[in-house]
Amino acid sequence: MKISEKAVHIIGELLSLPEPPEEGLAPWIKVIGVLASKIKTADQQKVLIPYLQELLNNKNTQETRKVGQRILFTAALNLGEEGLNKEPTYLKMMKSVFHDNNYKLRRDGVIFFKEYLIGSNAETICKSSRFEDTYLPELLDFCEDEDLHI
């Protein structure tokens, strides 16, 4: 768990800079995404999930929330459907991104969702009950959104 705490701390330090460097953030976002799939659920609940919830908070700047989304989506890609079953908080956070009032953040969430669904595990996802119960309604909502090019 010490690695995840250090990664969270480093991202926090980078975000506190007046202009956080992309080249500094990107590798740590990947580290946290991989850690999400490697550490125990209890450790995720102690460190990663509270930090993601903090970053995604509406009171933060758009840039901070966008970094939170990138971490969330990287973690979701690494966790896959099995990981989302073990820790449903990630799915709840993803759904909140898909319904964000900020158009740009919602759009980024939709683009991620599209990539997630057409990824290498698309066949498995489409056969799951979550697809019909959760993903399909989200997709239908996106079709009604004002930005159809997504």
C-alpha atoms as a PDB file:
ATOM      1  CA  MET A   1       0.000   0.000   0.000  1.00  0.00           C
ATOM      2  CA  LYS A   2       2.922   2.356   0.448  1.00  0.00           C
ATOM      3  CA  ILE A   3       3.415   2.645  -3.318  1.00  0.00           C
ATOM      4  CA  SER A   4      -0.188   3.741  -3.867  1.00  0.00           C
ATOM      5  CA  GLU A   5       0.107   6.310  -1.075  1.00  0.00           C
ATOM      6  CA  LYS A   6       3.300   7.693  -2.622  1.00  0.00           C
ATOM      7  CA  ALA A   7       1.763   7.820  -6.098  1.00  0.00           C
ATOM      8  CA  VAL A   8      -1.272   9.681  -4.731  1.00  0.00           C
ATOM      9  CA  HIS A   9       1.031  12.067  -2.867  1.00  0.00           C
ATOM     10  CA  ILE A  10       3.118  12.761  -5.989  1.00  0.00           C
ATOM     11  CA  ILE A  11       0.035  13.489  -8.102  1.00  0.00           C
ATOM     12  CA  GLY A  12      -1.221  15.787  -5.347  1.00  0.00           C
ATOM     13  CA  GLU A  13       2.101  17.647  -5.353  1.00  0.00           C
ATOM     14  CA  LEU A  14       2.039  17.972  -9.150  1.00  0.00           C
ATOM     15  CA  LEU A  15      -1.543  19.268  -9.095  1.00  0.00           C
ATOM     16  CA  SER A  16      -0.579  21.906  -6.552  1.00  0.00           C
ATOM     17  CA  LEU A  17       1.796  23.490  -9.087  1.00  0.00           C
ATOM     18  CA  PRO A  18       0.490  26.537 -10.977  1.00  0.00           C
ATOM     19  CA  GLU A  19       0.770  24.578 -14.233  1.00  0.00           C
ATOM     20  CA  PRO A  20       0.949  20.815 -13.587  1.00  0.00           C
ATOM     21  CA  PRO A  21       3.298  19.223 -16.157  1.00  0.00           C
ATOM     22  CA  GLU A  22       1.600  16.631 -18.335  1.00  0.00           C
ATOM     23  CA  GLU A  23       4.852  14.713 -18.697  1.00  0.00           C
ATOM     24  CA  GLY A  24       4.985  14.435 -14.903  1.00  0.00           C
ATOM     25  CA  LEU A  25       1.344  13.430 -14.414  1.00  0.00           C
ATOM     26  CA  ALA A  26       0.964  10.814 -17.165  1.00  0.00           C
ATOM     27  CA  PRO A  27       3.317   8.160 -15.763  1.00  0.00           C
ATOM     28  CA  TRP A  28       1.835   8.440 -12.267  1.00  0.00           C
ATOM     29  CA  ILE A  29      -1.696   8.152 -13.631  1.00  0.00           C
ATOM     30  CA  LYS A  30      -0.623   4.891 -15.284  1.00  0.00           C
ATOM     31  CA  VAL A  31       0.997   3.697 -12.048  1.00  0.00           C
ATOM     32  CA  ILE A  32      -2.202   4.272 -10.074  1.00  0.00           C
ATOM     33  CA  GLY A  33      -4.256   2.552 -12.798  1.00  0.00           C
ATOM     34  CA  VAL A  34      -2.059  -0.530 -12.624  1.00  0.00           C
ATOM     35  CA  LEU A  35      -2.011  -0.474  -8.822  1.00  0.00           C
ATOM     36  CA  ALA A  36      -5.813  -0.511  -8.782  1.00  0.00           C
ATOM     37  CA  SER A  37      -5.736  -3.936 -10.408  1.00  0.00           C
ATOM     38  CA  LYS A  38      -2.919  -5.263  -8.207  1.00  0.00           C
ATOM     39  CA  ILE A  39      -3.744  -4.224  -4.637  1.00  0.00           C
ATOM     40  CA  LYS A  40      -6.409  -5.648  -2.355  1.00  0.00           C
ATOM     41  CA  THR A  41      -9.889  -4.174  -2.352  1.00  0.00           C
ATOM     42  CA  ALA A  42      -9.467  -3.054   1.268  1.00  0.00           C
ATOM     43  CA  ASP A  43      -6.347  -1.089   0.308  1.00  0.00           C
ATOM     44  CA  GLN A  44      -8.178   0.469  -2.634  1.00  0.00           C
ATOM     45  CA  GLN A  45     -10.909   1.588  -0.260  1.00  0.00           C
ATOM     46  CA  LYS A  46      -8.381   3.171   2.098  1.00  0.00           C
ATOM     47  CA  VAL A  47      -6.251   5.073  -0.417  1.00  0.00           C
ATOM     48  CA  LEU A  48      -7.284   5.078  -4.082  1.00  0.00           C
ATOM     49  CA  ILE A  49     -11.055   5.395  -3.907  1.00  0.00           C
ATOM     50  CA  PRO A  50     -11.157   8.289  -1.396  1.00  0.00           C
ATOM     51  CA  TYR A  51      -8.505  10.119  -3.417  1.00  0.00           C
ATOM     52  CA  LEU A  52     -10.452   9.639  -6.656  1.00  0.00           C
ATOM     53  CA  GLN A  53     -13.638  10.816  -4.996  1.00  0.00           C
ATOM     54  CA  GLU A  54     -11.799  13.893  -3.767  1.00  0.00           C
ATOM     55  CA  LEU A  55     -10.394  14.672  -7.235  1.00  0.00           C
ATOM     56  CA  LEU A  56     -13.779  14.210  -8.931  1.00  0.00           C
ATOM     57  CA  ASN A  57     -15.541  16.530  -6.481  1.00  0.00           C
ATOM     58  CA  ASN A  58     -17.467  19.320  -8.237  1.00  0.00           C
ATOM     59  CA  LYS A  59     -15.745  21.896  -6.019  1.00  0.00           C
ATOM     60  CA  ASN A  60     -12.404  21.244  -7.738  1.00  0.00           C
ATOM     61  CA  THR A  61     -11.200  22.942 -10.895  1.00  0.00           C
ATOM     62  CA  GLN A  62     -11.959  21.384 -14.251  1.00  0.00           C
ATOM     63  CA  GLU A  63      -8.298  20.434 -14.678  1.00  0.00           C
ATOM     64  CA  THR A  64      -8.167  18.638 -11.320  1.00  0.00           C
ATOM     65  CA  ARG A  65     -11.390  16.796 -12.089  1.00  0.00           C
ATOM     66  CA  LYS A  66     -10.038  15.847 -15.506  1.00  0.00           C
ATOM     67  CA  VAL A  67      -6.951  14.285 -13.875  1.00  0.00           C
ATOM     68  CA  GLY A  68      -9.313  12.410 -11.542  1.00  0.00           C
ATOM     69  CA  GLN A  69     -11.215  11.112 -14.554  1.00  0.00           C
ATOM     70  CA  ARG A  70      -8.027   9.980 -16.247  1.00  0.00           C
ATOM     71  CA  ILE A  71      -7.001   8.071 -13.135  1.00  0.00           C
ATOM     72  CA  LEU A  72     -10.483   6.576 -12.797  1.00  0.00           C
ATOM     73  CA  PHE A  73     -10.629   5.470 -16.422  1.00  0.00           C
ATOM     74  CA  THR A  74      -7.095   4.065 -16.345  1.00  0.00           C
ATOM     75  CA  ALA A  75      -8.009   2.105 -13.223  1.00  0.00           C
ATOM     76  CA  ALA A  76     -11.244   0.854 -14.835  1.00  0.00           C
ATOM     77  CA  LEU A  77      -9.381  -0.340 -17.928  1.00  0.00           C
ATOM     78  CA  ASN A  78      -6.905  -2.202 -15.742  1.00  0.00           C
ATOM     79  CA  LEU A  79      -9.610  -3.652 -13.483  1.00  0.00           C
ATOM     80  CA  GLY A  80     -11.901  -4.838 -16.261  1.00  0.00           C
ATOM     81  CA  GLU A  81     -15.357  -6.217 -15.597  1.00  0.00           C
ATOM     82  CA  GLU A  82     -14.131  -8.644 -12.956  1.00  0.00           C
ATOM     83  CA  GLY A  83     -12.474  -5.855 -10.987  1.00  0.00           C
ATOM     84  CA  LEU A  84     -15.550  -3.652 -11.281  1.00  0.00           C
ATOM     85  CA  ASN A  85     -17.552  -6.523  -9.811  1.00  0.00           C
ATOM     86  CA  LYS A  86     -15.195  -6.723  -6.825  1.00  0.00           C
ATOM     87  CA  GLU A  87     -15.242  -2.964  -6.183  1.00  0.00           C
ATOM     88  CA  PRO A  88     -18.454  -1.365  -7.524  1.00  0.00           C
ATOM     89  CA  THR A  89     -17.445   2.111  -6.305  1.00  0.00           C
ATOM     90  CA  TYR A  90     -15.440   2.567  -9.516  1.00  0.00           C
ATOM     91  CA  LEU A  91     -18.568   1.947 -11.585  1.00  0.00           C
ATOM     92  CA  LYS A  92     -20.524   4.428  -9.461  1.00  0.00           C
ATOM     93  CA  MET A  93     -17.847   7.053 -10.025  1.00  0.00           C
ATOM     94  CA  MET A  94     -17.851   6.318 -13.762  1.00  0.00           C
ATOM     95  CA  LYS A  95     -21.616   6.791 -13.898  1.00  0.00           C
ATOM     96  CA  SER A  96     -21.318  10.124 -12.105  1.00  0.00           C
ATOM     97  CA  VAL A  97     -18.815  11.256 -14.740  1.00  0.00           C
ATOM     98  CA  PHE A  98     -21.220  10.242 -17.519  1.00  0.00           C
ATOM     99  CA  HIS A  99     -23.850  12.533 -15.999  1.00  0.00           C
ATOM    100  CA  ASP A 100     -21.587  15.425 -15.071  1.00  0.00           C
ATOM    101  CA  ASN A 101     -23.008  18.911 -15.611  1.00  0.00           C
ATOM    102  CA  ASN A 102     -19.740  20.027 -17.173  1.00  0.00           C
ATOM    103  CA  TYR A 103     -20.077  19.286 -20.873  1.00  0.00           C
ATOM    104  CA  LYS A 104     -16.338  18.842 -21.506  1.00  0.00           C
ATOM    105  CA  LEU A 105     -15.898  16.422 -18.637  1.00  0.00           C
ATOM    106  CA  ARG A 106     -19.001  14.466 -19.646  1.00  0.00           C
ATOM    107  CA  ARG A 107     -17.731  14.309 -23.223  1.00  0.00           C
ATOM    108  CA  ASP A 108     -14.380  12.917 -22.062  1.00  0.00           C
ATOM    109  CA  GLY A 109     -16.272  10.308 -20.053  1.00  0.00           C
ATOM    110  CA  VAL A 110     -18.326   9.311 -23.071  1.00  0.00           C
ATOM    111  CA  ILE A 111     -15.225   8.975 -25.225  1.00  0.00           C
ATOM    112  CA  PHE A 112     -13.620   6.742 -22.598  1.00  0.00           C
ATOM    113  CA  PHE A 113     -16.798   4.685 -22.345  1.00  0.00           C
ATOM    114  CA  LYS A 114     -16.817   4.144 -26.092  1.00  0.00           C
ATOM    115  CA  GLU A 115     -13.180   2.989 -26.010  1.00  0.00           C
ATOM    116  CA  TYR A 116     -13.872   0.739 -23.035  1.00  0.00           C
ATOM    117  CA  LEU A 117     -16.804  -0.950 -24.769  1.00  0.00           C
ATOM    118  CA  ILE A 118     -15.008  -1.535 -28.084  1.00  0.00           C
ATOM    119  CA  GLY A 119     -11.839  -2.714 -26.380  1.00  0.00           C
ATOM    120  CA  SER A 120     -10.444  -6.207 -26.379  1.00  0.00           C
ATOM    121  CA  ASN A 121     -13.112  -7.530 -23.998  1.00  0.00           C
ATOM    122  CA  ALA A 122     -16.104  -6.172 -25.943  1.00  0.00           C
ATOM    123  CA  GLU A 123     -17.594  -9.606 -26.570  1.00  0.00           C
ATOM    124  CA  THR A 124     -17.523 -10.468 -22.863  1.00  0.00           C
ATOM    125  CA  ILE A 125     -18.984  -7.100 -21.903  1.00  0.00           C
ATOM    126  CA  CYS A 126     -21.865  -7.358 -24.383  1.00  0.00           C
ATOM    127  CA  LYS A 127     -22.815 -10.774 -23.010  1.00  0.00           C
ATOM    128  CA  SER A 128     -22.848  -9.630 -19.395  1.00  0.00           C
ATOM    129  CA  SER A 129     -25.960  -8.636 -17.479  1.00  0.00           C
ATOM    130  CA  ARG A 130     -24.265  -5.326 -16.639  1.00  0.00           C
ATOM    131  CA  PHE A 131     -24.350  -4.416 -20.341  1.00  0.00           C
ATOM    132  CA  GLU A 132     -28.136  -4.615 -20.469  1.00  0.00           C
ATOM    133  CA  ASP A 133     -28.774  -3.220 -16.997  1.00  0.00           C
ATOM    134  CA  THR A 134     -26.185  -0.437 -16.851  1.00  0.00           C
ATOM    135  CA  TYR A 135     -24.199   0.169 -20.030  1.00  0.00           C
ATOM    136  CA  LEU A 136     -27.051   0.089 -22.547  1.00  0.00           C
ATOM    137  CA  PRO A 137     -29.136   2.728 -20.701  1.00  0.00           C
ATOM    138  CA  GLU A 138     -26.020   4.922 -20.495  1.00  0.00           C
ATOM    139  CA  LEU A 139     -25.438   4.521 -24.227  1.00  0.00           C
ATOM    140  CA  LEU A 140     -29.032   5.480 -24.966  1.00  0.00           C
ATOM    141  CA  ASP A 141     -28.632   8.583 -22.801  1.00  0.00           C
ATOM    142  CA  PHE A 142     -25.527   9.511 -24.777  1.00  0.00           C
ATOM    143  CA  CYS A 143     -27.436   9.221 -28.037  1.00  0.00           C
ATOM    144  CA  GLU A 144     -29.846  11.853 -26.719  1.00  0.00           C
ATOM    145  CA  ASP A 145     -26.978  14.160 -25.704  1.00  0.00           C
ATOM    146  CA  GLU A 146     -26.322  17.304 -27.703  1.00  0.00           C
ATOM    147  CA  ASP A 147     -22.947  16.104 -29.012  1.00  0.00           C
ATOM    148  CA  LEU A 148     -23.683  13.257 -31.406  1.00  0.00           C
ATOM    149  CA  HIS A 149     -20.224  13.072 -33.005  1.00  0.00           C
ATOM    150  CA  ILE A 150     -19.026  10.985 -30.049  1.00  0.00           C
END
